[in-house]
Amino acid sequence: MSETRQYGELATQLVMESRRSTQTDTLLKYNDSIIRSIIREQRDLERATEQYMRITEPGNTPPPQLLILQTIINRNKRCLLAYHSHRTDRLRDLYWAVGGALPHILSNQEIRGKLSPHEVDFLRQYNTSVMEFRSDFSYELDIMASITHPPKDIHTLVRVVRDCGVIQTELGSIDFRKDQRFMVRRADIEHLIVQGYLEEV
């Protein structure tokens, strides 16, 4: 460990990074190097704690150094958990912002470059869980539909903003090409509106 850095300083940097991410409403790149450094620091602290435990005789009051080390260990753990919890919340928000379109998130290289492999796995498992839950209600309710702006009609007029190919709808297949307009059932194309392929006219 560097002489110029105090224990717990790296964990504080992670918390500050999470705060900055919240204030700017962005997902910052996963900070793998600091996390690995904190884990190494934790191992060093745990070894030092074990040494103090060995020299402390049973029944005696533990030395103050032991209490300080244990406090630092617990603080580092809390900071790591807060960082990962914050990132998980951001990923969930991102997932719902694109209407649950996981391929849309994972194909975006800018977003993908900010994620750790574990976060990609989390998104895939989260998507699987949502799809399993959604299938239980598929005939009564679409849990992926927007609740902030409830639809006024079953059908909606849309304009194609970007080519998205042939889409299967209740009325059959439709080839959505740029600048075309269609009157379609909202439930069939809601996800395309959220993803930015279509816009309501």
N, C-alpha and C. Protein backbone atom coordinates (compact mmCIF):
# COMPACT_ATOMS: atom_id res chain seq x y z
N MET A 1 0.85 -1.19 0.00
CA MET A 1 0.00 0.00 0.00
C MET A 1 0.88 1.24 0.00
N SER A 2 0.49 2.25 -0.77
CA SER A 2 1.26 3.48 -0.87
C SER A 2 1.26 4.22 0.46
N GLU A 3 2.38 4.87 0.75
CA GLU A 3 2.52 5.60 2.01
C GLU A 3 1.62 6.84 2.03
N THR A 4 1.29 7.36 0.85
CA THR A 4 0.53 8.61 0.79
C THR A 4 -0.98 8.38 0.87
N ARG A 5 -1.43 7.13 0.82
CA ARG A 5 -2.87 6.86 0.82
C ARG A 5 -3.29 6.24 2.15
N GLN A 6 -4.42 6.67 2.65
CA GLN A 6 -4.95 6.11 3.89
C GLN A 6 -5.90 4.97 3.58
N TYR A 7 -6.07 4.09 4.58
CA TYR A 7 -7.06 3.04 4.43
C TYR A 7 -8.44 3.67 4.27
N GLY A 8 -9.23 3.12 3.37
CA GLY A 8 -10.58 3.63 3.16
C GLY A 8 -10.69 4.73 2.12
N GLU A 9 -9.56 5.26 1.67
CA GLU A 9 -9.59 6.36 0.71
C GLU A 9 -10.14 5.92 -0.65
N LEU A 10 -9.76 4.73 -1.07
CA LEU A 10 -10.26 4.21 -2.36
C LEU A 10 -11.76 3.99 -2.32
N ALA A 11 -12.24 3.48 -1.20
CA ALA A 11 -13.68 3.25 -1.06
C ALA A 11 -14.45 4.58 -1.13
N THR A 12 -13.86 5.63 -0.58
CA THR A 12 -14.48 6.95 -0.65
C THR A 12 -14.55 7.42 -2.10
N GLN A 13 -13.51 7.12 -2.87
CA GLN A 13 -13.52 7.49 -4.30
C GLN A 13 -14.67 6.82 -5.04
N LEU A 14 -14.95 5.56 -4.70
CA LEU A 14 -16.07 4.85 -5.34
C LEU A 14 -17.41 5.51 -5.02
N VAL A 15 -17.58 5.89 -3.76
CA VAL A 15 -18.84 6.53 -3.36
C VAL A 15 -18.98 7.89 -4.07
N MET A 16 -17.88 8.63 -4.18
CA MET A 16 -17.92 9.91 -4.87
C MET A 16 -18.25 9.72 -6.36
N GLU A 17 -17.73 8.65 -6.94
CA GLU A 17 -18.02 8.34 -8.34
C GLU A 17 -19.51 8.05 -8.53
N SER A 18 -20.09 7.32 -7.58
CA SER A 18 -21.53 7.03 -7.63
C SER A 18 -22.34 8.32 -7.52
N ARG A 19 -21.91 9.20 -6.65
CA ARG A 19 -22.61 10.48 -6.48
C ARG A 19 -22.52 11.30 -7.77
N ARG A 20 -21.33 11.33 -8.38
CA ARG A 20 -21.15 12.06 -9.63
C ARG A 20 -22.04 11.48 -10.73
N SER A 21 -22.15 10.16 -10.77
CA SER A 21 -23.00 9.49 -11.74
C SER A 21 -24.46 9.89 -11.55
N THR A 22 -24.91 10.00 -10.31
CA THR A 22 -26.28 10.39 -10.02
C THR A 22 -26.52 11.85 -10.41
N GLN A 23 -25.57 12.71 -10.06
CA GLN A 23 -25.74 14.14 -10.35
C GLN A 23 -25.76 14.44 -11.84
N THR A 24 -24.96 13.71 -12.61
CA THR A 24 -24.91 13.94 -14.06
C THR A 24 -25.89 13.05 -14.81
N ASP A 25 -26.58 12.16 -14.11
CA ASP A 25 -27.55 11.23 -14.70
C ASP A 25 -26.93 10.43 -15.84
N THR A 26 -25.73 9.91 -15.58
CA THR A 26 -25.03 9.08 -16.56
C THR A 26 -24.52 7.82 -15.88
N LEU A 27 -24.23 6.83 -16.69
CA LEU A 27 -23.61 5.61 -16.20
C LEU A 27 -22.13 5.71 -16.53
N LEU A 28 -21.30 5.79 -15.51
CA LEU A 28 -19.85 5.87 -15.72
C LEU A 28 -19.28 4.48 -15.94
N LYS A 29 -18.07 4.42 -16.48
CA LYS A 29 -17.41 3.14 -16.73
C LYS A 29 -17.15 2.42 -15.41
N TYR A 30 -17.36 1.11 -15.42
CA TYR A 30 -17.12 0.29 -14.23
C TYR A 30 -15.65 0.43 -13.82
N ASN A 31 -15.40 0.78 -12.56
CA ASN A 31 -14.04 1.08 -12.11
C ASN A 31 -13.37 -0.17 -11.54
N ASP A 32 -12.98 -1.05 -12.43
CA ASP A 32 -12.42 -2.34 -12.04
C ASP A 32 -11.11 -2.19 -11.26
N SER A 33 -10.27 -1.25 -11.64
CA SER A 33 -8.96 -1.12 -10.97
C SER A 33 -9.12 -0.72 -9.51
N ILE A 34 -9.99 0.23 -9.22
CA ILE A 34 -10.18 0.63 -7.81
C ILE A 34 -10.82 -0.50 -7.01
N ILE A 35 -11.75 -1.21 -7.62
CA ILE A 35 -12.41 -2.31 -6.90
C ILE A 35 -11.40 -3.40 -6.56
N ARG A 36 -10.53 -3.74 -7.50
CA ARG A 36 -9.49 -4.74 -7.22
C ARG A 36 -8.54 -4.25 -6.13
N SER A 37 -8.21 -2.95 -6.15
CA SER A 37 -7.34 -2.39 -5.10
C SER A 37 -8.00 -2.45 -3.73
N ILE A 38 -9.30 -2.18 -3.68
CA ILE A 38 -10.02 -2.25 -2.40
C ILE A 38 -10.04 -3.69 -1.89
N ILE A 39 -10.23 -4.64 -2.77
CA ILE A 39 -10.25 -6.05 -2.36
C ILE A 39 -8.88 -6.45 -1.81
N ARG A 40 -7.80 -5.99 -2.47
CA ARG A 40 -6.45 -6.27 -1.94
C ARG A 40 -6.26 -5.61 -0.57
N GLU A 41 -6.77 -4.38 -0.44
CA GLU A 41 -6.69 -3.67 0.84
C GLU A 41 -7.45 -4.44 1.91
N GLN A 42 -8.62 -4.97 1.57
CA GLN A 42 -9.41 -5.76 2.52
C GLN A 42 -8.62 -6.97 3.01
N ARG A 43 -7.94 -7.65 2.08
CA ARG A 43 -7.15 -8.82 2.47
C ARG A 43 -6.03 -8.43 3.42
N ASP A 44 -5.37 -7.30 3.14
CA ASP A 44 -4.30 -6.82 4.02
C ASP A 44 -4.86 -6.50 5.41
N LEU A 45 -6.01 -5.84 5.43
CA LEU A 45 -6.63 -5.50 6.71
C LEU A 45 -7.05 -6.74 7.49
N GLU A 46 -7.58 -7.73 6.79
CA GLU A 46 -7.99 -8.95 7.47
C GLU A 46 -6.79 -9.72 8.03
N ARG A 47 -5.68 -9.70 7.29
CA ARG A 47 -4.45 -10.34 7.83
C ARG A 47 -3.96 -9.61 9.08
N ALA A 48 -3.98 -8.28 9.04
CA ALA A 48 -3.56 -7.49 10.22
C ALA A 48 -4.49 -7.76 11.39
N THR A 49 -5.79 -7.88 11.12
CA THR A 49 -6.77 -8.18 12.17
C THR A 49 -6.48 -9.53 12.80
N GLU A 50 -6.17 -10.53 11.97
CA GLU A 50 -5.86 -11.87 12.49
C GLU A 50 -4.61 -11.84 13.38
N GLN A 51 -3.63 -11.04 13.02
CA GLN A 51 -2.41 -10.94 13.84
C GLN A 51 -2.75 -10.36 15.21
N TYR A 52 -3.57 -9.31 15.25
CA TYR A 52 -3.96 -8.72 16.54
C TYR A 52 -4.81 -9.69 17.36
N MET A 53 -5.62 -10.49 16.66
CA MET A 53 -6.45 -11.47 17.37
C MET A 53 -5.57 -12.53 18.03
N ARG A 54 -4.49 -12.91 17.35
CA ARG A 54 -3.59 -13.94 17.90
C ARG A 54 -2.86 -13.46 19.15
N ILE A 55 -2.47 -12.18 19.15
CA ILE A 55 -1.71 -11.69 20.30
C ILE A 55 -2.60 -11.24 21.46
N THR A 56 -3.91 -11.11 21.20
CA THR A 56 -4.83 -10.73 22.27
C THR A 56 -5.24 -11.98 23.04
N GLU A 57 -4.99 -11.97 24.32
CA GLU A 57 -5.32 -13.13 25.15
C GLU A 57 -6.83 -13.17 25.40
N PRO A 58 -7.39 -14.39 25.45
CA PRO A 58 -8.84 -14.52 25.70
C PRO A 58 -9.24 -13.82 27.00
N GLY A 59 -10.35 -13.12 26.96
CA GLY A 59 -10.86 -12.43 28.15
C GLY A 59 -10.36 -11.01 28.27
N ASN A 60 -9.30 -10.66 27.56
CA ASN A 60 -8.77 -9.29 27.63
C ASN A 60 -9.51 -8.38 26.65
N THR A 61 -9.49 -7.10 26.95
CA THR A 61 -10.10 -6.11 26.06
C THR A 61 -9.26 -6.04 24.78
N PRO A 62 -9.92 -6.08 23.61
CA PRO A 62 -9.15 -6.00 22.37
C PRO A 62 -8.43 -4.65 22.25
N PRO A 63 -7.26 -4.63 21.65
CA PRO A 63 -6.54 -3.37 21.50
C PRO A 63 -7.29 -2.42 20.56
N PRO A 64 -7.11 -1.12 20.73
CA PRO A 64 -7.81 -0.15 19.89
C PRO A 64 -7.50 -0.34 18.40
N GLN A 65 -6.29 -0.79 18.09
CA GLN A 65 -5.94 -1.00 16.68
C GLN A 65 -6.89 -2.00 16.02
N LEU A 66 -7.26 -3.03 16.77
CA LEU A 66 -8.15 -4.06 16.25
C LEU A 66 -9.52 -3.48 15.92
N LEU A 67 -10.03 -2.63 16.81
CA LEU A 67 -11.33 -2.00 16.58
C LEU A 67 -11.29 -1.06 15.37
N ILE A 68 -10.18 -0.33 15.21
CA ILE A 68 -10.04 0.58 14.08
C ILE A 68 -9.99 -0.22 12.77
N LEU A 69 -9.22 -1.30 12.76
CA LEU A 69 -9.12 -2.13 11.55
C LEU A 69 -10.48 -2.72 11.19
N GLN A 70 -11.20 -3.20 12.20
CA GLN A 70 -12.52 -3.78 11.93
C GLN A 70 -13.49 -2.73 11.39
N THR A 71 -13.40 -1.51 11.90
CA THR A 71 -14.24 -0.42 11.42
C THR A 71 -13.95 -0.11 9.95
N ILE A 72 -12.65 -0.09 9.61
CA ILE A 72 -12.26 0.18 8.22
C ILE A 72 -12.75 -0.93 7.29
N ILE A 73 -12.61 -2.18 7.73
CA ILE A 73 -13.09 -3.32 6.93
C ILE A 73 -14.58 -3.18 6.66
N ASN A 74 -15.35 -2.89 7.71
CA ASN A 74 -16.80 -2.76 7.56
C ASN A 74 -17.17 -1.58 6.66
N ARG A 75 -16.43 -0.48 6.79
CA ARG A 75 -16.70 0.69 5.96
C ARG A 75 -16.42 0.40 4.49
N ASN A 76 -15.30 -0.27 4.20
CA ASN A 76 -14.97 -0.64 2.83
C ASN A 76 -16.06 -1.53 2.23
N LYS A 77 -16.55 -2.49 3.03
CA LYS A 77 -17.62 -3.37 2.54
C LYS A 77 -18.87 -2.58 2.21
N ARG A 78 -19.24 -1.66 3.09
CA ARG A 78 -20.43 -0.85 2.85
C ARG A 78 -20.28 -0.01 1.58
N CYS A 79 -19.09 0.56 1.38
CA CYS A 79 -18.86 1.38 0.18
C CYS A 79 -18.93 0.53 -1.09
N LEU A 80 -18.35 -0.68 -1.05
CA LEU A 80 -18.42 -1.57 -2.21
C LEU A 80 -19.87 -1.96 -2.51
N LEU A 81 -20.63 -2.28 -1.46
CA LEU A 81 -22.04 -2.64 -1.65
C LEU A 81 -22.84 -1.45 -2.18
N ALA A 82 -22.56 -0.25 -1.68
CA ALA A 82 -23.28 0.94 -2.15
C ALA A 82 -22.98 1.21 -3.62
N TYR A 83 -21.71 1.06 -4.01
CA TYR A 83 -21.31 1.28 -5.40
C TYR A 83 -22.03 0.30 -6.33
N HIS A 84 -22.01 -0.97 -5.97
CA HIS A 84 -22.64 -1.97 -6.82
C HIS A 84 -24.17 -1.85 -6.82
N SER A 85 -24.74 -1.48 -5.69
CA SER A 85 -26.18 -1.27 -5.63
C SER A 85 -26.58 -0.10 -6.52
N HIS A 86 -25.80 0.97 -6.47
CA HIS A 86 -26.06 2.13 -7.32
C HIS A 86 -26.01 1.75 -8.80
N ARG A 87 -25.00 0.99 -9.19
CA ARG A 87 -24.86 0.59 -10.59
C ARG A 87 -26.00 -0.33 -11.02
N THR A 88 -26.40 -1.22 -10.13
CA THR A 88 -27.51 -2.12 -10.44
C THR A 88 -28.79 -1.32 -10.65
N ASP A 89 -29.03 -0.32 -9.81
CA ASP A 89 -30.20 0.54 -9.98
C ASP A 89 -30.16 1.28 -11.31
N ARG A 90 -28.98 1.79 -11.67
CA ARG A 90 -28.83 2.50 -12.95
C ARG A 90 -29.11 1.56 -14.13
N LEU A 91 -28.63 0.32 -14.02
CA LEU A 91 -28.85 -0.65 -15.10
C LEU A 91 -30.33 -0.97 -15.24
N ARG A 92 -31.02 -1.13 -14.11
CA ARG A 92 -32.46 -1.38 -14.17
C ARG A 92 -33.19 -0.20 -14.81
N ASP A 93 -32.81 1.03 -14.43
CA ASP A 93 -33.42 2.22 -15.02
C ASP A 93 -33.18 2.26 -16.52
N LEU A 94 -31.96 1.93 -16.92
CA LEU A 94 -31.61 1.91 -18.35
C LEU A 94 -32.44 0.86 -19.09
N TYR A 95 -32.60 -0.30 -18.49
CA TYR A 95 -33.38 -1.38 -19.09
C TYR A 95 -34.82 -0.93 -19.35
N TRP A 96 -35.43 -0.30 -18.36
CA TRP A 96 -36.82 0.13 -18.52
C TRP A 96 -36.94 1.35 -19.41
N ALA A 97 -35.91 2.17 -19.49
CA ALA A 97 -35.94 3.36 -20.35
C ALA A 97 -36.03 2.98 -21.82
N VAL A 98 -35.47 1.82 -22.18
CA VAL A 98 -35.55 1.37 -23.58
C VAL A 98 -36.65 0.33 -23.76
N GLY A 99 -37.56 0.26 -22.83
CA GLY A 99 -38.71 -0.63 -22.96
C GLY A 99 -38.38 -2.10 -22.83
N GLY A 100 -37.32 -2.41 -22.08
CA GLY A 100 -36.96 -3.81 -21.87
C GLY A 100 -36.32 -4.45 -23.09
N ALA A 101 -35.75 -3.63 -23.96
CA ALA A 101 -35.10 -4.15 -25.17
C ALA A 101 -33.63 -4.40 -24.88
N LEU A 102 -33.33 -5.58 -24.37
CA LEU A 102 -31.94 -5.90 -23.99
C LEU A 102 -30.98 -5.84 -25.17
N PRO A 103 -31.33 -6.37 -26.34
CA PRO A 103 -30.39 -6.27 -27.46
C PRO A 103 -30.04 -4.82 -27.82
N HIS A 104 -31.01 -3.92 -27.63
CA HIS A 104 -30.78 -2.50 -27.89
C HIS A 104 -29.69 -1.95 -26.97
N ILE A 105 -29.67 -2.39 -25.72
CA ILE A 105 -28.66 -1.94 -24.76
C ILE A 105 -27.30 -2.57 -25.08
N LEU A 106 -27.30 -3.89 -25.26
CA LEU A 106 -26.03 -4.60 -25.42
C LEU A 106 -25.37 -4.36 -26.77
N SER A 107 -26.14 -3.94 -27.78
CA SER A 107 -25.53 -3.67 -29.08
C SER A 107 -24.94 -2.26 -29.15
N ASN A 108 -25.29 -1.41 -28.18
CA ASN A 108 -24.73 -0.06 -28.12
C ASN A 108 -23.33 -0.15 -27.52
N GLN A 109 -22.31 0.07 -28.35
CA GLN A 109 -20.93 -0.12 -27.90
C GLN A 109 -20.52 0.87 -26.81
N GLU A 110 -21.10 2.06 -26.83
CA GLU A 110 -20.78 3.04 -25.79
C GLU A 110 -21.23 2.55 -24.42
N ILE A 111 -22.45 2.03 -24.36
CA ILE A 111 -22.97 1.50 -23.09
C ILE A 111 -22.23 0.22 -22.71
N ARG A 112 -22.07 -0.68 -23.67
CA ARG A 112 -21.44 -1.97 -23.41
C ARG A 112 -20.02 -1.80 -22.85
N GLY A 113 -19.30 -0.78 -23.35
CA GLY A 113 -17.94 -0.53 -22.88
C GLY A 113 -17.86 -0.07 -21.43
N LYS A 114 -18.98 0.41 -20.89
CA LYS A 114 -19.01 0.88 -19.51
C LYS A 114 -19.36 -0.22 -18.51
N LEU A 115 -19.76 -1.39 -19.02
CA LEU A 115 -20.23 -2.46 -18.15
C LEU A 115 -19.15 -3.49 -17.88
N SER A 116 -19.20 -4.08 -16.70
CA SER A 116 -18.33 -5.22 -16.39
C SER A 116 -19.03 -6.48 -16.92
N PRO A 117 -18.27 -7.57 -17.09
CA PRO A 117 -18.92 -8.83 -17.53
C PRO A 117 -20.04 -9.28 -16.58
N HIS A 118 -19.85 -9.03 -15.28
CA HIS A 118 -20.88 -9.41 -14.30
C HIS A 118 -22.16 -8.59 -14.50
N GLU A 119 -22.01 -7.33 -14.89
CA GLU A 119 -23.18 -6.50 -15.11
C GLU A 119 -23.95 -6.93 -16.37
N VAL A 120 -23.21 -7.37 -17.39
CA VAL A 120 -23.86 -7.90 -18.59
C VAL A 120 -24.66 -9.15 -18.22
N ASP A 121 -24.05 -10.03 -17.40
CA ASP A 121 -24.76 -11.23 -16.93
C ASP A 121 -26.00 -10.84 -16.12
N PHE A 122 -25.86 -9.81 -15.27
CA PHE A 122 -27.01 -9.35 -14.48
C PHE A 122 -28.15 -8.91 -15.39
N LEU A 123 -27.82 -8.12 -16.43
CA LEU A 123 -28.86 -7.64 -17.35
C LEU A 123 -29.55 -8.81 -18.05
N ARG A 124 -28.76 -9.79 -18.46
CA ARG A 124 -29.36 -10.95 -19.14
C ARG A 124 -30.29 -11.72 -18.20
N GLN A 125 -29.85 -11.93 -16.96
CA GLN A 125 -30.68 -12.66 -15.99
C GLN A 125 -31.92 -11.84 -15.62
N TYR A 126 -31.75 -10.54 -15.50
CA TYR A 126 -32.88 -9.66 -15.18
C TYR A 126 -33.91 -9.72 -16.32
N ASN A 127 -33.41 -9.66 -17.55
CA ASN A 127 -34.30 -9.75 -18.72
C ASN A 127 -35.04 -11.08 -18.74
N THR A 128 -34.35 -12.17 -18.44
CA THR A 128 -34.98 -13.49 -18.40
C THR A 128 -36.08 -13.52 -17.34
N SER A 129 -35.81 -12.97 -16.17
CA SER A 129 -36.81 -12.93 -15.09
C SER A 129 -38.03 -12.11 -15.50
N VAL A 130 -37.79 -10.95 -16.12
CA VAL A 130 -38.90 -10.10 -16.55
C VAL A 130 -39.74 -10.82 -17.60
N MET A 131 -39.09 -11.48 -18.55
CA MET A 131 -39.82 -12.18 -19.61
C MET A 131 -40.65 -13.35 -19.05
N GLU A 132 -40.09 -14.06 -18.07
CA GLU A 132 -40.84 -15.15 -17.44
C GLU A 132 -42.05 -14.60 -16.70
N PHE A 133 -41.86 -13.51 -15.98
CA PHE A 133 -42.96 -12.88 -15.25
C PHE A 133 -44.00 -12.34 -16.22
N ARG A 134 -43.53 -11.72 -17.31
CA ARG A 134 -44.44 -11.15 -18.31
C ARG A 134 -45.30 -12.22 -18.97
N SER A 135 -44.74 -13.40 -19.19
CA SER A 135 -45.48 -14.46 -19.87
C SER A 135 -46.68 -14.93 -19.05
N ASP A 136 -46.61 -14.78 -17.73
CA ASP A 136 -47.73 -15.18 -16.88
C ASP A 136 -48.96 -14.29 -17.09
N PHE A 137 -48.75 -13.05 -17.56
CA PHE A 137 -49.84 -12.09 -17.70
C PHE A 137 -50.08 -11.67 -19.15
N SER A 138 -49.51 -12.37 -20.09
CA SER A 138 -49.50 -11.90 -21.48
C SER A 138 -50.89 -11.64 -22.05
N TYR A 139 -51.92 -12.34 -21.57
CA TYR A 139 -53.26 -12.14 -22.13
C TYR A 139 -54.02 -11.01 -21.44
N GLU A 140 -53.67 -10.70 -20.19
CA GLU A 140 -54.40 -9.68 -19.45
C GLU A 140 -53.71 -8.32 -19.46
N LEU A 141 -52.37 -8.32 -19.43
CA LEU A 141 -51.65 -7.08 -19.15
C LEU A 141 -50.27 -7.13 -19.78
N ASP A 142 -49.85 -6.02 -20.36
CA ASP A 142 -48.49 -5.92 -20.88
C ASP A 142 -47.68 -5.09 -19.89
N ILE A 143 -46.85 -5.75 -19.10
CA ILE A 143 -46.09 -5.02 -18.08
C ILE A 143 -44.99 -4.16 -18.68
N MET A 144 -44.70 -4.33 -19.96
CA MET A 144 -43.67 -3.53 -20.61
C MET A 144 -44.23 -2.21 -21.15
N ALA A 145 -45.54 -2.07 -21.16
CA ALA A 145 -46.16 -0.85 -21.70
C ALA A 145 -45.91 0.33 -20.77
N SER A 146 -45.89 1.50 -21.35
CA SER A 146 -45.67 2.73 -20.58
C SER A 146 -46.86 2.99 -19.67
N ILE A 147 -46.56 3.39 -18.44
CA ILE A 147 -47.65 3.74 -17.51
C ILE A 147 -47.71 5.25 -17.29
N THR A 148 -46.71 5.98 -17.79
CA THR A 148 -46.71 7.43 -17.59
C THR A 148 -47.69 8.12 -18.53
N HIS A 149 -47.87 7.57 -19.75
CA HIS A 149 -48.81 8.12 -20.72
C HIS A 149 -49.73 7.00 -21.20
N PRO A 150 -50.83 6.77 -20.51
CA PRO A 150 -51.72 5.68 -20.92
C PRO A 150 -52.30 5.96 -22.31
N PRO A 151 -52.48 4.92 -23.11
CA PRO A 151 -53.00 5.13 -24.46
C PRO A 151 -54.46 5.54 -24.45
N LYS A 152 -54.83 6.38 -25.44
CA LYS A 152 -56.22 6.81 -25.57
C LYS A 152 -56.99 5.88 -26.49
N ASP A 153 -56.27 5.29 -27.46
CA ASP A 153 -56.89 4.39 -28.42
C ASP A 153 -56.10 3.09 -28.51
N ILE A 154 -56.76 2.06 -29.02
CA ILE A 154 -56.08 0.78 -29.22
C ILE A 154 -55.09 0.88 -30.37
N HIS A 155 -55.47 1.63 -31.42
CA HIS A 155 -54.61 1.80 -32.59
C HIS A 155 -53.99 3.19 -32.57
N THR A 156 -52.82 3.31 -33.19
CA THR A 156 -52.14 4.59 -33.25
C THR A 156 -51.49 4.77 -34.62
N LEU A 157 -51.36 6.02 -35.05
CA LEU A 157 -50.69 6.34 -36.30
C LEU A 157 -49.23 6.62 -35.98
N VAL A 158 -48.33 5.91 -36.66
CA VAL A 158 -46.91 6.07 -36.40
C VAL A 158 -46.17 6.37 -37.70
N ARG A 159 -45.04 7.06 -37.55
CA ARG A 159 -44.12 7.31 -38.66
C ARG A 159 -42.82 6.58 -38.35
N VAL A 160 -42.25 5.95 -39.35
CA VAL A 160 -41.01 5.20 -39.16
C VAL A 160 -39.84 6.18 -39.19
N VAL A 161 -39.08 6.22 -38.10
CA VAL A 161 -37.93 7.11 -37.99
C VAL A 161 -36.66 6.42 -38.52
N ARG A 162 -36.53 5.13 -38.21
CA ARG A 162 -35.39 4.33 -38.67
C ARG A 162 -35.92 2.99 -39.16
N ASP A 163 -35.30 2.47 -40.21
CA ASP A 163 -35.69 1.15 -40.70
C ASP A 163 -35.57 0.13 -39.58
N CYS A 164 -36.59 -0.70 -39.43
CA CYS A 164 -36.51 -1.76 -38.42
C CYS A 164 -36.93 -3.11 -38.97
N GLY A 165 -37.15 -3.20 -40.28
CA GLY A 165 -37.41 -4.49 -40.89
C GLY A 165 -38.86 -4.93 -40.75
N VAL A 166 -39.06 -6.21 -40.99
CA VAL A 166 -40.41 -6.78 -40.96
C VAL A 166 -40.76 -7.17 -39.52
N ILE A 167 -41.92 -6.70 -39.08
CA ILE A 167 -42.38 -6.96 -37.71
C ILE A 167 -43.71 -7.70 -37.80
N GLN A 168 -43.86 -8.75 -37.02
CA GLN A 168 -45.11 -9.50 -36.96
C GLN A 168 -46.08 -8.77 -36.03
N THR A 169 -47.26 -8.49 -36.54
CA THR A 169 -48.29 -7.84 -35.73
C THR A 169 -49.55 -8.70 -35.76
N GLU A 170 -50.57 -8.24 -35.06
CA GLU A 170 -51.84 -8.96 -35.02
C GLU A 170 -52.47 -9.05 -36.41
N LEU A 171 -52.23 -8.03 -37.23
CA LEU A 171 -52.81 -7.98 -38.58
C LEU A 171 -51.93 -8.65 -39.63
N GLY A 172 -50.81 -9.19 -39.23
CA GLY A 172 -49.86 -9.81 -40.16
C GLY A 172 -48.50 -9.13 -40.06
N SER A 173 -47.66 -9.38 -41.03
CA SER A 173 -46.32 -8.78 -40.99
C SER A 173 -46.32 -7.44 -41.72
N ILE A 174 -45.56 -6.49 -41.16
CA ILE A 174 -45.43 -5.16 -41.74
C ILE A 174 -43.95 -4.85 -41.88
N ASP A 175 -43.57 -4.34 -43.04
CA ASP A 175 -42.18 -3.96 -43.30
C ASP A 175 -42.06 -2.46 -43.01
N PHE A 176 -41.43 -2.13 -41.90
CA PHE A 176 -41.29 -0.73 -41.48
C PHE A 176 -40.06 -0.12 -42.14
N ARG A 177 -40.30 0.77 -43.11
CA ARG A 177 -39.21 1.48 -43.79
C ARG A 177 -39.29 2.96 -43.46
N LYS A 178 -38.14 3.61 -43.45
CA LYS A 178 -38.04 5.01 -43.04
C LYS A 178 -39.03 5.90 -43.79
N ASP A 179 -39.65 6.81 -43.03
CA ASP A 179 -40.58 7.84 -43.50
C ASP A 179 -41.94 7.31 -43.94
N GLN A 180 -42.24 6.04 -43.73
CA GLN A 180 -43.56 5.52 -44.01
C GLN A 180 -44.45 5.73 -42.79
N ARG A 181 -45.77 5.72 -43.03
CA ARG A 181 -46.74 5.87 -41.93
C ARG A 181 -47.66 4.66 -41.92
N PHE A 182 -48.03 4.27 -40.69
CA PHE A 182 -48.90 3.11 -40.53
C PHE A 182 -49.87 3.36 -39.39
N MET A 183 -51.08 2.81 -39.53
CA MET A 183 -52.04 2.77 -38.43
C MET A 183 -51.99 1.33 -37.91
N VAL A 184 -51.45 1.17 -36.71
CA VAL A 184 -51.23 -0.17 -36.15
C VAL A 184 -51.72 -0.24 -34.72
N ARG A 185 -51.87 -1.46 -34.27
CA ARG A 185 -52.28 -1.70 -32.88
C ARG A 185 -51.11 -1.31 -31.97
N ARG A 186 -51.40 -0.48 -31.00
CA ARG A 186 -50.35 0.06 -30.12
C ARG A 186 -49.54 -1.04 -29.43
N ALA A 187 -50.21 -2.07 -28.96
CA ALA A 187 -49.52 -3.14 -28.22
C ALA A 187 -48.48 -3.84 -29.09
N ASP A 188 -48.69 -3.87 -30.41
CA ASP A 188 -47.76 -4.55 -31.30
C ASP A 188 -46.46 -3.78 -31.51
N ILE A 189 -46.52 -2.45 -31.38
CA ILE A 189 -45.34 -1.65 -31.73
C ILE A 189 -44.86 -0.73 -30.59
N GLU A 190 -45.42 -0.88 -29.41
CA GLU A 190 -45.03 -0.03 -28.27
C GLU A 190 -43.53 -0.06 -28.04
N HIS A 191 -42.94 -1.25 -28.10
CA HIS A 191 -41.50 -1.38 -27.85
C HIS A 191 -40.67 -0.65 -28.91
N LEU A 192 -41.18 -0.56 -30.14
CA LEU A 192 -40.45 0.14 -31.20
C LEU A 192 -40.51 1.65 -31.00
N ILE A 193 -41.60 2.13 -30.42
CA ILE A 193 -41.69 3.56 -30.10
C ILE A 193 -40.69 3.91 -29.01
N VAL A 194 -40.65 3.08 -27.97
CA VAL A 194 -39.73 3.32 -26.85
C VAL A 194 -38.28 3.28 -27.33
N GLN A 195 -37.95 2.37 -28.25
CA GLN A 195 -36.58 2.23 -28.74
C GLN A 195 -36.21 3.32 -29.74
N GLY A 196 -37.18 4.10 -30.20
CA GLY A 196 -36.87 5.19 -31.12
C GLY A 196 -36.96 4.84 -32.59
N TYR A 197 -37.48 3.67 -32.93
CA TYR A 197 -37.63 3.30 -34.34
C TYR A 197 -38.87 3.97 -34.95
N LEU A 198 -39.91 4.13 -34.15
CA LEU A 198 -41.15 4.74 -34.61
C LEU A 198 -41.48 5.93 -33.73
N GLU A 199 -42.27 6.87 -34.29
CA GLU A 199 -42.79 7.96 -33.46
C GLU A 199 -44.26 8.16 -33.78
N GLU A 200 -45.01 8.52 -32.75
CA GLU A 200 -46.44 8.74 -32.96
C GLU A 200 -46.66 10.05 -33.70
N VAL A 201 -47.66 10.03 -34.59
CA VAL A 201 -47.96 11.22 -35.38
C VAL A 201 -49.19 11.90 -34.81
